[in-house]
Amino acid sequence: MVEDERPTGSTVVAAALALFARHGYEQTSVEQIAQSAGVSRSTFFRQFGGKDDVVFADHEVLLDRLRTYLAEPHENPWAAVCGASVEVYRHFAADPVVARQRYAVVREVPSLRDREIVTVFRYERLFDEYLRRSLPGLDPIDAVAFAAAVTAVHNHVLRRLLRGKKRVPASVLETAYDELLVRFGVHPDGAPPAEDDLVVATFPRRMPAAEIARRLGSLR
């Protein structure tokens, strides 16, 4: 009988995280995980390279899913990045118990914390590269800044979910991204005029036009 690897994979992840939470990461063996999940040791290693891969298995699936999503045409690339991040959040918020177990395990193991930092950067780099590819001529600093901001806001809201006992709906993250899009001036619906939108500036007549443009650009 051939095992269905996709459902089994999620079962193994849940079993592993439960064991890590109960007995500790270092004290839990691959054999214990396989037995708890009802799979063979060979199946475990075929699906995961090791215990740390079990902890981050969801991220590999999500990153692949985001690459596919961002490869599709989007009218507003900035909003597409935010939408992709919201989908990641929805995935973890759908099962907060497992998400909190993963968070607790990662906090206790230095090597897992290091890998988590690398994983977060992979999302940020994915967003950065997508913006540069989708918006030719975009200042790389703007792409990096927006990708970093999206990732930071996502992690802030996710930590609220992981550190508390209540559900934090995706709408909280969506509202935060609406504000971020407005701040960057890239909201798909535009931004309502504010009292300080009008800027009056004076420059010496002899100042080069390029310098005037640079200074005006810094006011955006």
N, C-alpha and C. Protein backbone atom coordinates (compact mmCIF):
# COMPACT_ATOMS: atom_id res chain seq x y z
N MET A 1 0.85 -1.20 0.00
CA MET A 1 0.00 0.00 0.00
C MET A 1 0.88 1.24 0.00
N VAL A 2 0.62 2.16 -0.92
CA VAL A 2 1.40 3.39 -1.03
C VAL A 2 0.80 4.45 -0.11
N GLU A 3 1.63 5.05 0.73
CA GLU A 3 1.14 6.07 1.65
C GLU A 3 0.91 7.39 0.94
N ASP A 4 -0.15 8.10 1.31
CA ASP A 4 -0.44 9.43 0.78
C ASP A 4 0.44 10.42 1.51
N GLU A 5 1.48 10.90 0.85
CA GLU A 5 2.51 11.66 1.55
C GLU A 5 2.04 13.04 2.00
N ARG A 6 1.13 13.66 1.31
CA ARG A 6 0.75 15.02 1.70
C ARG A 6 0.00 15.04 3.03
N PRO A 7 -1.08 14.23 3.20
CA PRO A 7 -1.74 14.22 4.51
C PRO A 7 -0.82 13.68 5.58
N THR A 8 -0.01 12.65 5.24
CA THR A 8 0.90 12.08 6.20
C THR A 8 1.91 13.11 6.67
N GLY A 9 2.36 13.96 5.74
CA GLY A 9 3.32 14.99 6.09
C GLY A 9 2.79 15.92 7.17
N SER A 10 1.55 16.37 7.03
CA SER A 10 0.97 17.26 8.02
C SER A 10 0.77 16.54 9.35
N THR A 11 0.47 15.23 9.27
CA THR A 11 0.31 14.44 10.49
C THR A 11 1.63 14.31 11.23
N VAL A 12 2.70 14.10 10.49
CA VAL A 12 4.03 13.98 11.09
C VAL A 12 4.43 15.29 11.76
N VAL A 13 4.16 16.40 11.11
CA VAL A 13 4.48 17.71 11.68
C VAL A 13 3.75 17.92 12.99
N ALA A 14 2.46 17.63 13.01
CA ALA A 14 1.67 17.82 14.23
C ALA A 14 2.17 16.90 15.34
N ALA A 15 2.49 15.66 14.99
CA ALA A 15 2.97 14.70 15.99
C ALA A 15 4.32 15.14 16.55
N ALA A 16 5.20 15.60 15.67
CA ALA A 16 6.53 16.03 16.10
C ALA A 16 6.45 17.23 17.03
N LEU A 17 5.66 18.22 16.67
CA LEU A 17 5.55 19.41 17.49
C LEU A 17 4.95 19.10 18.86
N ALA A 18 4.00 18.18 18.89
CA ALA A 18 3.40 17.79 20.17
C ALA A 18 4.44 17.11 21.05
N LEU A 19 5.28 16.27 20.46
CA LEU A 19 6.34 15.60 21.22
C LEU A 19 7.40 16.59 21.68
N PHE A 20 7.76 17.51 20.81
CA PHE A 20 8.76 18.52 21.19
C PHE A 20 8.25 19.34 22.37
N ALA A 21 6.97 19.71 22.31
CA ALA A 21 6.39 20.53 23.37
C ALA A 21 6.33 19.75 24.69
N ARG A 22 6.11 18.45 24.60
CA ARG A 22 5.93 17.63 25.80
C ARG A 22 7.27 17.18 26.40
N HIS A 23 8.20 16.78 25.53
CA HIS A 23 9.44 16.19 26.04
C HIS A 23 10.69 17.02 25.77
N GLY A 24 10.58 18.01 24.89
CA GLY A 24 11.75 18.79 24.53
C GLY A 24 12.28 18.37 23.17
N TYR A 25 12.85 19.29 22.46
CA TYR A 25 13.34 19.02 21.11
C TYR A 25 14.49 18.02 21.11
N GLU A 26 15.48 18.27 21.94
CA GLU A 26 16.67 17.41 21.96
C GLU A 26 16.34 16.02 22.47
N GLN A 27 15.36 15.91 23.35
CA GLN A 27 15.04 14.62 23.96
C GLN A 27 14.13 13.76 23.08
N THR A 28 13.62 14.31 22.02
CA THR A 28 12.71 13.57 21.13
C THR A 28 13.48 12.99 19.95
N SER A 29 13.32 11.72 19.70
CA SER A 29 14.02 11.06 18.61
C SER A 29 13.14 10.95 17.37
N VAL A 30 13.77 10.70 16.25
CA VAL A 30 13.03 10.49 15.00
C VAL A 30 12.14 9.26 15.14
N GLU A 31 12.64 8.23 15.81
CA GLU A 31 11.86 7.01 16.00
C GLU A 31 10.57 7.31 16.76
N GLN A 32 10.65 8.16 17.78
CA GLN A 32 9.45 8.52 18.55
C GLN A 32 8.45 9.28 17.68
N ILE A 33 8.96 10.18 16.85
CA ILE A 33 8.08 10.94 15.97
C ILE A 33 7.37 10.02 14.98
N ALA A 34 8.14 9.13 14.36
CA ALA A 34 7.57 8.21 13.37
C ALA A 34 6.51 7.32 14.01
N GLN A 35 6.81 6.81 15.20
CA GLN A 35 5.86 5.93 15.88
C GLN A 35 4.58 6.69 16.25
N SER A 36 4.74 7.93 16.73
CA SER A 36 3.57 8.72 17.12
C SER A 36 2.71 9.06 15.92
N ALA A 37 3.34 9.31 14.77
CA ALA A 37 2.61 9.68 13.56
C ALA A 37 2.09 8.47 12.79
N GLY A 38 2.57 7.29 13.16
CA GLY A 38 2.11 6.08 12.47
C GLY A 38 2.75 5.88 11.12
N VAL A 39 4.02 6.29 11.00
CA VAL A 39 4.74 6.10 9.74
C VAL A 39 6.06 5.39 10.04
N SER A 40 6.69 4.91 9.00
CA SER A 40 7.97 4.25 9.18
C SER A 40 9.09 5.28 9.25
N ARG A 41 10.22 4.85 9.76
CA ARG A 41 11.39 5.74 9.86
C ARG A 41 11.83 6.18 8.46
N SER A 42 11.76 5.26 7.50
CA SER A 42 12.17 5.59 6.13
C SER A 42 11.23 6.62 5.51
N THR A 43 9.93 6.52 5.84
CA THR A 43 8.97 7.51 5.34
C THR A 43 9.29 8.88 5.90
N PHE A 44 9.65 8.91 7.16
CA PHE A 44 10.00 10.19 7.78
C PHE A 44 11.16 10.84 7.03
N PHE A 45 12.22 10.09 6.80
CA PHE A 45 13.40 10.68 6.15
C PHE A 45 13.15 10.96 4.67
N ARG A 46 12.19 10.28 4.06
CA ARG A 46 11.85 10.58 2.68
C ARG A 46 11.13 11.92 2.58
N GLN A 47 10.35 12.23 3.61
CA GLN A 47 9.59 13.48 3.61
C GLN A 47 10.36 14.64 4.22
N PHE A 48 11.20 14.34 5.19
CA PHE A 48 11.93 15.39 5.92
C PHE A 48 13.39 14.97 6.06
N GLY A 49 14.27 15.91 5.96
CA GLY A 49 15.69 15.60 6.10
C GLY A 49 16.11 15.38 7.53
N GLY A 50 15.36 15.92 8.49
CA GLY A 50 15.73 15.79 9.89
C GLY A 50 14.68 16.45 10.76
N LYS A 51 14.93 16.48 12.06
CA LYS A 51 13.95 17.05 12.99
C LYS A 51 13.70 18.53 12.73
N ASP A 52 14.75 19.27 12.39
CA ASP A 52 14.56 20.70 12.16
C ASP A 52 13.71 20.96 10.92
N ASP A 53 13.80 20.06 9.94
CA ASP A 53 12.98 20.22 8.73
C ASP A 53 11.50 20.05 9.03
N VAL A 54 11.18 19.24 10.04
CA VAL A 54 9.79 19.07 10.44
C VAL A 54 9.23 20.39 10.96
N VAL A 55 10.03 21.09 11.76
CA VAL A 55 9.60 22.35 12.36
C VAL A 55 9.27 23.38 11.29
N PHE A 56 10.05 23.38 10.21
CA PHE A 56 9.90 24.42 9.18
C PHE A 56 9.25 23.91 7.89
N ALA A 57 8.65 22.73 7.97
CA ALA A 57 8.06 22.14 6.76
C ALA A 57 7.00 23.03 6.14
N ASP A 58 6.16 23.64 6.96
CA ASP A 58 5.09 24.49 6.44
C ASP A 58 5.65 25.66 5.63
N HIS A 59 6.77 26.19 6.06
CA HIS A 59 7.35 27.34 5.37
C HIS A 59 7.78 26.98 3.95
N GLU A 60 8.31 25.78 3.77
CA GLU A 60 8.74 25.37 2.44
C GLU A 60 7.53 25.30 1.50
N VAL A 61 6.43 24.76 2.00
CA VAL A 61 5.20 24.68 1.20
C VAL A 61 4.69 26.08 0.89
N LEU A 62 4.70 26.95 1.90
CA LEU A 62 4.18 28.31 1.72
C LEU A 62 5.03 29.12 0.76
N LEU A 63 6.33 28.99 0.84
CA LEU A 63 7.20 29.74 -0.07
C LEU A 63 6.96 29.32 -1.51
N ASP A 64 6.79 28.03 -1.74
CA ASP A 64 6.48 27.55 -3.09
C ASP A 64 5.14 28.11 -3.56
N ARG A 65 4.18 28.14 -2.65
CA ARG A 65 2.85 28.65 -2.99
C ARG A 65 2.91 30.14 -3.34
N LEU A 66 3.72 30.89 -2.60
CA LEU A 66 3.84 32.32 -2.86
C LEU A 66 4.54 32.59 -4.19
N ARG A 67 5.53 31.78 -4.51
CA ARG A 67 6.21 31.95 -5.80
C ARG A 67 5.22 31.79 -6.95
N THR A 68 4.35 30.79 -6.83
CA THR A 68 3.33 30.57 -7.86
C THR A 68 2.37 31.74 -7.92
N TYR A 69 1.94 32.21 -6.76
CA TYR A 69 0.99 33.33 -6.69
C TYR A 69 1.59 34.61 -7.28
N LEU A 70 2.84 34.89 -6.95
CA LEU A 70 3.47 36.12 -7.42
C LEU A 70 3.89 36.03 -8.88
N ALA A 71 3.92 34.84 -9.43
CA ALA A 71 4.23 34.68 -10.86
C ALA A 71 3.03 35.04 -11.72
N GLU A 72 1.85 35.14 -11.10
CA GLU A 72 0.65 35.52 -11.83
C GLU A 72 0.61 37.04 -12.00
N PRO A 73 -0.13 37.54 -13.00
CA PRO A 73 -0.23 39.00 -13.19
C PRO A 73 -1.06 39.63 -12.08
N HIS A 74 -0.60 40.78 -11.58
CA HIS A 74 -1.30 41.51 -10.54
C HIS A 74 -1.33 42.99 -10.93
N GLU A 75 -2.48 43.59 -10.80
CA GLU A 75 -2.63 45.00 -11.17
C GLU A 75 -1.79 45.90 -10.29
N ASN A 76 -1.70 45.59 -9.01
CA ASN A 76 -0.92 46.39 -8.06
C ASN A 76 0.07 45.48 -7.35
N PRO A 77 1.34 45.48 -7.76
CA PRO A 77 2.34 44.59 -7.14
C PRO A 77 2.50 44.81 -5.64
N TRP A 78 2.37 46.07 -5.20
CA TRP A 78 2.50 46.36 -3.77
C TRP A 78 1.41 45.63 -2.98
N ALA A 79 0.19 45.73 -3.46
CA ALA A 79 -0.93 45.06 -2.80
C ALA A 79 -0.79 43.54 -2.90
N ALA A 80 -0.20 43.06 -4.00
CA ALA A 80 -0.01 41.62 -4.17
C ALA A 80 0.93 41.07 -3.11
N VAL A 81 1.97 41.82 -2.78
CA VAL A 81 2.90 41.39 -1.73
C VAL A 81 2.17 41.30 -0.40
N CYS A 82 1.35 42.29 -0.10
CA CYS A 82 0.58 42.27 1.15
C CYS A 82 -0.39 41.10 1.16
N GLY A 83 -1.03 40.85 0.03
CA GLY A 83 -1.96 39.73 -0.06
C GLY A 83 -1.27 38.40 0.15
N ALA A 84 -0.07 38.26 -0.39
CA ALA A 84 0.69 37.03 -0.20
C ALA A 84 1.03 36.82 1.27
N SER A 85 1.41 37.88 1.93
CA SER A 85 1.75 37.79 3.35
C SER A 85 0.53 37.42 4.19
N VAL A 86 -0.62 37.95 3.83
CA VAL A 86 -1.86 37.64 4.56
C VAL A 86 -2.18 36.15 4.44
N GLU A 87 -1.93 35.57 3.26
CA GLU A 87 -2.19 34.14 3.08
C GLU A 87 -1.30 33.30 3.98
N VAL A 88 -0.06 33.73 4.17
CA VAL A 88 0.84 33.02 5.09
C VAL A 88 0.28 33.09 6.50
N TYR A 89 -0.19 34.27 6.87
CA TYR A 89 -0.75 34.44 8.21
C TYR A 89 -1.99 33.57 8.40
N ARG A 90 -2.85 33.52 7.40
CA ARG A 90 -4.06 32.71 7.49
C ARG A 90 -3.72 31.24 7.73
N HIS A 91 -2.65 30.79 7.10
CA HIS A 91 -2.25 29.40 7.26
C HIS A 91 -1.95 29.08 8.72
N PHE A 92 -1.16 29.91 9.37
CA PHE A 92 -0.78 29.64 10.76
C PHE A 92 -1.93 29.94 11.73
N ALA A 93 -2.72 30.94 11.41
CA ALA A 93 -3.85 31.29 12.29
C ALA A 93 -4.95 30.24 12.24
N ALA A 94 -4.97 29.44 11.19
CA ALA A 94 -6.01 28.42 11.06
C ALA A 94 -5.88 27.34 12.13
N ASP A 95 -4.66 27.12 12.62
CA ASP A 95 -4.44 26.14 13.68
C ASP A 95 -3.49 26.75 14.70
N PRO A 96 -3.99 27.64 15.55
CA PRO A 96 -3.13 28.36 16.50
C PRO A 96 -2.45 27.45 17.51
N VAL A 97 -3.05 26.30 17.81
CA VAL A 97 -2.42 25.38 18.78
C VAL A 97 -1.09 24.88 18.25
N VAL A 98 -1.10 24.40 17.01
CA VAL A 98 0.14 23.91 16.39
C VAL A 98 1.13 25.07 16.20
N ALA A 99 0.63 26.23 15.80
CA ALA A 99 1.50 27.39 15.60
C ALA A 99 2.19 27.79 16.90
N ARG A 100 1.46 27.73 18.01
CA ARG A 100 2.04 28.09 19.30
C ARG A 100 3.04 27.04 19.78
N GLN A 101 2.78 25.77 19.48
CA GLN A 101 3.75 24.73 19.81
C GLN A 101 5.05 24.95 19.06
N ARG A 102 4.93 25.27 17.77
CA ARG A 102 6.13 25.53 16.97
C ARG A 102 6.90 26.72 17.53
N TYR A 103 6.19 27.77 17.87
CA TYR A 103 6.82 28.98 18.42
C TYR A 103 7.57 28.67 19.71
N ALA A 104 6.96 27.87 20.59
CA ALA A 104 7.59 27.52 21.86
C ALA A 104 8.86 26.71 21.65
N VAL A 105 8.82 25.77 20.70
CA VAL A 105 9.98 24.94 20.42
C VAL A 105 11.12 25.78 19.86
N VAL A 106 10.81 26.63 18.91
CA VAL A 106 11.84 27.46 18.27
C VAL A 106 12.51 28.38 19.29
N ARG A 107 11.75 28.93 20.20
CA ARG A 107 12.29 29.83 21.22
C ARG A 107 13.32 29.14 22.10
N GLU A 108 13.16 27.83 22.31
CA GLU A 108 14.02 27.11 23.25
C GLU A 108 15.29 26.54 22.63
N VAL A 109 15.36 26.52 21.29
CA VAL A 109 16.49 25.87 20.61
C VAL A 109 17.25 26.89 19.76
N PRO A 110 18.48 27.24 20.13
CA PRO A 110 19.24 28.25 19.39
C PRO A 110 19.37 27.98 17.90
N SER A 111 19.61 26.73 17.53
CA SER A 111 19.79 26.41 16.11
C SER A 111 18.49 26.65 15.33
N LEU A 112 17.35 26.41 15.97
CA LEU A 112 16.08 26.66 15.32
C LEU A 112 15.81 28.15 15.21
N ARG A 113 16.21 28.91 16.21
CA ARG A 113 16.05 30.37 16.14
C ARG A 113 16.86 30.93 14.98
N ASP A 114 18.07 30.40 14.80
CA ASP A 114 18.91 30.86 13.69
C ASP A 114 18.26 30.53 12.36
N ARG A 115 17.71 29.35 12.26
CA ARG A 115 17.06 28.97 10.99
C ARG A 115 15.81 29.80 10.75
N GLU A 116 15.12 30.16 11.82
CA GLU A 116 13.93 30.99 11.68
C GLU A 116 14.29 32.36 11.09
N ILE A 117 15.42 32.91 11.54
CA ILE A 117 15.86 34.21 11.01
C ILE A 117 16.11 34.10 9.50
N VAL A 118 16.75 33.01 9.10
CA VAL A 118 17.02 32.79 7.67
C VAL A 118 15.71 32.62 6.90
N THR A 119 14.76 31.92 7.50
CA THR A 119 13.47 31.69 6.84
C THR A 119 12.71 32.99 6.64
N VAL A 120 12.71 33.83 7.65
CA VAL A 120 12.05 35.14 7.54
C VAL A 120 12.69 35.95 6.41
N PHE A 121 14.00 35.90 6.32
CA PHE A 121 14.69 36.63 5.26
C PHE A 121 14.31 36.10 3.89
N ARG A 122 14.02 34.82 3.77
CA ARG A 122 13.63 34.25 2.47
C ARG A 122 12.32 34.85 2.00
N TYR A 123 11.38 35.08 2.91
CA TYR A 123 10.13 35.76 2.54
C TYR A 123 10.43 37.19 2.10
N GLU A 124 11.24 37.87 2.88
CA GLU A 124 11.57 39.26 2.57
C GLU A 124 12.25 39.37 1.21
N ARG A 125 13.18 38.47 0.94
CA ARG A 125 13.88 38.50 -0.34
C ARG A 125 12.94 38.18 -1.49
N LEU A 126 12.01 37.25 -1.27
CA LEU A 126 11.02 36.92 -2.30
C LEU A 126 10.19 38.15 -2.67
N PHE A 127 9.74 38.89 -1.67
CA PHE A 127 8.94 40.10 -1.92
C PHE A 127 9.78 41.18 -2.61
N ASP A 128 11.00 41.34 -2.15
CA ASP A 128 11.91 42.35 -2.72
C ASP A 128 12.15 42.07 -4.20
N GLU A 129 12.50 40.83 -4.52
CA GLU A 129 12.79 40.47 -5.91
C GLU A 129 11.55 40.59 -6.79
N TYR A 130 10.39 40.25 -6.24
CA TYR A 130 9.16 40.37 -7.02
C TYR A 130 8.86 41.82 -7.36
N LEU A 131 9.03 42.73 -6.41
CA LEU A 131 8.76 44.14 -6.66
C LEU A 131 9.71 44.70 -7.72
N ARG A 132 10.97 44.35 -7.63
CA ARG A 132 11.94 44.85 -8.62
C ARG A 132 11.62 44.31 -10.01
N ARG A 133 11.18 43.06 -10.05
CA ARG A 133 10.85 42.44 -11.34
C ARG A 133 9.57 43.02 -11.92
N SER A 134 8.62 43.33 -11.08
CA SER A 134 7.32 43.80 -11.54
C SER A 134 7.27 45.30 -11.82
N LEU A 135 8.20 46.04 -11.23
CA LEU A 135 8.21 47.49 -11.37
C LEU A 135 9.57 47.95 -11.88
N PRO A 136 9.82 47.80 -13.18
CA PRO A 136 11.11 48.22 -13.75
C PRO A 136 11.41 49.68 -13.42
N GLY A 137 12.63 49.92 -13.03
CA GLY A 137 13.02 51.28 -12.69
C GLY A 137 12.79 51.63 -11.23
N LEU A 138 12.18 50.74 -10.48
CA LEU A 138 11.93 50.99 -9.06
C LEU A 138 13.25 51.10 -8.32
N ASP A 139 13.36 52.12 -7.48
CA ASP A 139 14.56 52.29 -6.67
C ASP A 139 14.69 51.06 -5.77
N PRO A 140 15.84 50.37 -5.79
CA PRO A 140 16.02 49.18 -4.96
C PRO A 140 15.77 49.44 -3.48
N ILE A 141 16.05 50.67 -3.04
CA ILE A 141 15.82 50.99 -1.64
C ILE A 141 14.33 50.92 -1.31
N ASP A 142 13.48 51.38 -2.24
CA ASP A 142 12.04 51.32 -2.03
C ASP A 142 11.56 49.87 -1.96
N ALA A 143 12.13 49.03 -2.83
CA ALA A 143 11.74 47.62 -2.83
C ALA A 143 12.16 46.94 -1.52
N VAL A 144 13.38 47.19 -1.11
CA VAL A 144 13.88 46.59 0.14
C VAL A 144 13.09 47.10 1.34
N ALA A 145 12.83 48.40 1.37
CA ALA A 145 12.12 49.00 2.51
C ALA A 145 10.70 48.45 2.62
N PHE A 146 10.02 48.33 1.48
CA PHE A 146 8.64 47.84 1.53
C PHE A 146 8.60 46.36 1.91
N ALA A 147 9.49 45.56 1.33
CA ALA A 147 9.53 44.13 1.66
C ALA A 147 9.83 43.93 3.14
N ALA A 148 10.76 44.72 3.67
CA ALA A 148 11.11 44.61 5.09
C ALA A 148 9.94 45.04 5.97
N ALA A 149 9.24 46.09 5.56
CA ALA A 149 8.11 46.58 6.34
C ALA A 149 6.98 45.56 6.36
N VAL A 150 6.68 44.97 5.22
CA VAL A 150 5.62 43.95 5.15
C VAL A 150 5.97 42.77 6.06
N THR A 151 7.21 42.33 6.00
CA THR A 151 7.63 41.19 6.81
C THR A 151 7.59 41.52 8.30
N ALA A 152 8.02 42.73 8.66
CA ALA A 152 8.04 43.13 10.06
C ALA A 152 6.62 43.25 10.62
N VAL A 153 5.71 43.83 9.84
CA VAL A 153 4.32 43.96 10.29
C VAL A 153 3.69 42.58 10.45
N HIS A 154 3.94 41.70 9.50
CA HIS A 154 3.43 40.34 9.58
C HIS A 154 3.90 39.65 10.86
N ASN A 155 5.19 39.74 11.15
CA ASN A 155 5.74 39.08 12.32
C ASN A 155 5.18 39.68 13.61
N HIS A 156 4.96 40.98 13.60
CA HIS A 156 4.40 41.64 14.79
C HIS A 156 3.00 41.11 15.10
N VAL A 157 2.15 41.03 14.08
CA VAL A 157 0.78 40.55 14.29
C VAL A 157 0.79 39.06 14.63
N LEU A 158 1.66 38.30 13.96
CA LEU A 158 1.73 36.86 14.23
C LEU A 158 2.18 36.60 15.67
N ARG A 159 3.12 37.39 16.16
CA ARG A 159 3.56 37.21 17.56
C ARG A 159 2.43 37.48 18.53
N ARG A 160 1.55 38.41 18.20
CA ARG A 160 0.38 38.65 19.05
C ARG A 160 -0.46 37.39 19.17
N LEU A 161 -0.59 36.68 18.07
CA LEU A 161 -1.35 35.43 18.06
C LEU A 161 -0.61 34.36 18.86
N LEU A 162 0.69 34.24 18.64
CA LEU A 162 1.47 33.16 19.23
C LEU A 162 1.69 33.33 20.73
N ARG A 163 1.80 34.57 21.17
CA ARG A 163 2.08 34.82 22.59
C ARG A 163 0.83 34.91 23.44
N GLY A 164 -0.32 35.04 22.81
CA GLY A 164 -1.57 35.14 23.55
C GLY A 164 -2.36 33.85 23.50
N LYS A 165 -3.57 33.91 23.99
CA LYS A 165 -4.44 32.75 24.01
C LYS A 165 -5.69 32.95 23.14
N LYS A 166 -5.80 34.15 22.59
CA LYS A 166 -6.96 34.47 21.78
C LYS A 166 -6.60 34.46 20.29
N ARG A 167 -7.61 34.27 19.48
CA ARG A 167 -7.40 34.35 18.03
C ARG A 167 -7.22 35.81 17.61
N VAL A 168 -6.33 36.03 16.71
CA VAL A 168 -6.12 37.36 16.13
C VAL A 168 -6.47 37.22 14.65
N PRO A 169 -7.63 37.73 14.23
CA PRO A 169 -8.08 37.52 12.85
C PRO A 169 -7.17 38.17 11.82
N ALA A 170 -7.21 37.62 10.62
CA ALA A 170 -6.39 38.16 9.52
C ALA A 170 -6.75 39.60 9.21
N SER A 171 -7.96 40.01 9.56
CA SER A 171 -8.38 41.39 9.29
C SER A 171 -7.49 42.40 10.00
N VAL A 172 -6.90 42.01 11.14
CA VAL A 172 -5.98 42.89 11.85
C VAL A 172 -4.76 43.17 10.99
N LEU A 173 -4.24 42.13 10.36
CA LEU A 173 -3.08 42.30 9.47
C LEU A 173 -3.46 43.07 8.22
N GLU A 174 -4.63 42.79 7.67
CA GLU A 174 -5.08 43.48 6.46
C GLU A 174 -5.23 44.98 6.72
N THR A 175 -5.74 45.35 7.88
CA THR A 175 -5.87 46.78 8.22
C THR A 175 -4.50 47.43 8.33
N ALA A 176 -3.56 46.72 8.94
CA ALA A 176 -2.20 47.25 9.08
C ALA A 176 -1.57 47.45 7.71
N TYR A 177 -1.83 46.52 6.78
CA TYR A 177 -1.26 46.66 5.44
C TYR A 177 -1.92 47.79 4.65
N ASP A 178 -3.20 48.03 4.89
CA ASP A 178 -3.86 49.17 4.25
C ASP A 178 -3.16 50.46 4.65
N GLU A 179 -2.83 50.58 5.93
CA GLU A 179 -2.14 51.77 6.42
C GLU A 179 -0.73 51.86 5.84
N LEU A 180 -0.07 50.71 5.70
CA LEU A 180 1.28 50.70 5.14
C LEU A 180 1.26 51.13 3.67
N LEU A 181 0.29 50.65 2.92
CA LEU A 181 0.18 51.02 1.51
C LEU A 181 -0.08 52.51 1.35
N VAL A 182 -0.88 53.07 2.26
CA VAL A 182 -1.15 54.51 2.22
C VAL A 182 0.13 55.28 2.54
N ARG A 183 0.87 54.83 3.53
CA ARG A 183 2.10 55.52 3.92
C ARG A 183 3.12 55.55 2.79
N PHE A 184 3.17 54.45 2.03
CA PHE A 184 4.10 54.40 0.91
C PHE A 184 3.52 55.08 -0.33
N GLY A 185 2.25 55.50 -0.26
CA GLY A 185 1.62 56.15 -1.41
C GLY A 185 1.31 55.21 -2.54
N VAL A 186 1.08 53.92 -2.24
CA VAL A 186 0.87 52.93 -3.30
C VAL A 186 -0.43 52.15 -3.08
N HIS A 187 -1.33 52.68 -2.27
CA HIS A 187 -2.60 51.99 -2.05
C HIS A 187 -3.39 51.95 -3.35
N PRO A 188 -3.96 50.80 -3.71
CA PRO A 188 -4.68 50.70 -4.99
C PRO A 188 -5.86 51.65 -5.11
N ASP A 189 -6.43 52.07 -3.99
CA ASP A 189 -7.55 53.01 -4.01
C ASP A 189 -7.10 54.45 -3.80
N GLY A 190 -5.79 54.65 -3.77
CA GLY A 190 -5.28 55.98 -3.50
C GLY A 190 -5.39 56.31 -2.02
N ALA A 191 -5.15 57.55 -1.68
CA ALA A 191 -5.21 57.98 -0.28
C ALA A 191 -6.02 59.25 -0.18
N PRO A 192 -6.85 59.39 0.84
CA PRO A 192 -7.62 60.62 1.00
C PRO A 192 -6.70 61.80 1.27
N PRO A 193 -7.02 62.98 0.76
CA PRO A 193 -6.16 64.15 0.98
C PRO A 193 -6.08 64.50 2.46
N ALA A 194 -4.91 64.88 2.87
CA ALA A 194 -4.69 65.30 4.26
C ALA A 194 -4.39 66.79 4.30
N GLU A 195 -4.50 67.38 5.49
CA GLU A 195 -4.29 68.82 5.62
C GLU A 195 -2.87 69.22 5.24
N ASP A 196 -1.91 68.31 5.42
CA ASP A 196 -0.52 68.67 5.15
C ASP A 196 -0.05 68.20 3.77
N ASP A 197 -0.99 67.87 2.87
CA ASP A 197 -0.60 67.42 1.54
C ASP A 197 0.02 68.54 0.70
N LEU A 198 -0.36 69.79 0.98
CA LEU A 198 0.15 70.93 0.21
C LEU A 198 1.47 71.39 0.81
N VAL A 199 2.50 71.42 -0.02
CA VAL A 199 3.83 71.87 0.42
C VAL A 199 4.27 73.03 -0.46
N VAL A 200 4.64 74.13 0.15
CA VAL A 200 5.15 75.29 -0.58
C VAL A 200 6.64 75.41 -0.28
N ALA A 201 7.44 75.42 -1.32
CA ALA A 201 8.89 75.49 -1.14
C ALA A 201 9.49 76.56 -2.04
N THR A 202 10.52 77.20 -1.57
CA THR A 202 11.25 78.20 -2.38
C THR A 202 12.71 77.79 -2.48
N PHE A 203 13.28 78.07 -3.64
CA PHE A 203 14.67 77.72 -3.89
C PHE A 203 15.36 78.89 -4.58
N PRO A 204 16.67 79.02 -4.40
CA PRO A 204 17.41 80.08 -5.11
C PRO A 204 17.30 79.89 -6.62
N ARG A 205 17.21 80.99 -7.36
CA ARG A 205 17.06 80.92 -8.80
C ARG A 205 18.22 80.16 -9.45
N ARG A 206 19.42 80.28 -8.84
CA ARG A 206 20.60 79.67 -9.45
C ARG A 206 20.72 78.17 -9.16
N MET A 207 19.82 77.60 -8.32
CA MET A 207 19.92 76.18 -7.97
C MET A 207 19.59 75.32 -9.19
N PRO A 208 20.42 74.33 -9.52
CA PRO A 208 20.16 73.46 -10.67
C PRO A 208 18.80 72.76 -10.55
N ALA A 209 18.15 72.56 -11.67
CA ALA A 209 16.83 71.93 -11.66
C ALA A 209 16.89 70.52 -11.08
N ALA A 210 18.00 69.80 -11.35
CA ALA A 210 18.13 68.44 -10.83
C ALA A 210 18.14 68.42 -9.31
N GLU A 211 18.79 69.43 -8.71
CA GLU A 211 18.84 69.50 -7.25
C GLU A 211 17.47 69.84 -6.68
N ILE A 212 16.73 70.70 -7.37
CA ILE A 212 15.37 71.02 -6.94
C ILE A 212 14.50 69.76 -6.97
N ALA A 213 14.64 69.01 -8.06
CA ALA A 213 13.85 67.77 -8.18
C ALA A 213 14.21 66.78 -7.08
N ARG A 214 15.51 66.72 -6.77
CA ARG A 214 15.93 65.79 -5.71
C ARG A 214 15.34 66.18 -4.36
N ARG A 215 15.35 67.47 -4.07
CA ARG A 215 14.83 67.93 -2.80
C ARG A 215 13.32 67.75 -2.71
N LEU A 216 12.64 68.02 -3.81
CA LEU A 216 11.19 67.82 -3.82
C LEU A 216 10.85 66.35 -3.66
N GLY A 217 11.67 65.51 -4.28
CA GLY A 217 11.43 64.07 -4.16
C GLY A 217 11.58 63.58 -2.74
N SER A 218 12.46 64.22 -1.98
CA SER A 218 12.66 63.80 -0.59
C SER A 218 11.48 64.13 0.31
N LEU A 219 10.55 65.00 -0.20
CA LEU A 219 9.38 65.36 0.59
C LEU A 219 8.24 64.35 0.47
N ARG A 220 8.39 63.39 -0.45
CA ARG A 220 7.30 62.43 -0.66
C ARG A 220 7.15 61.53 0.56
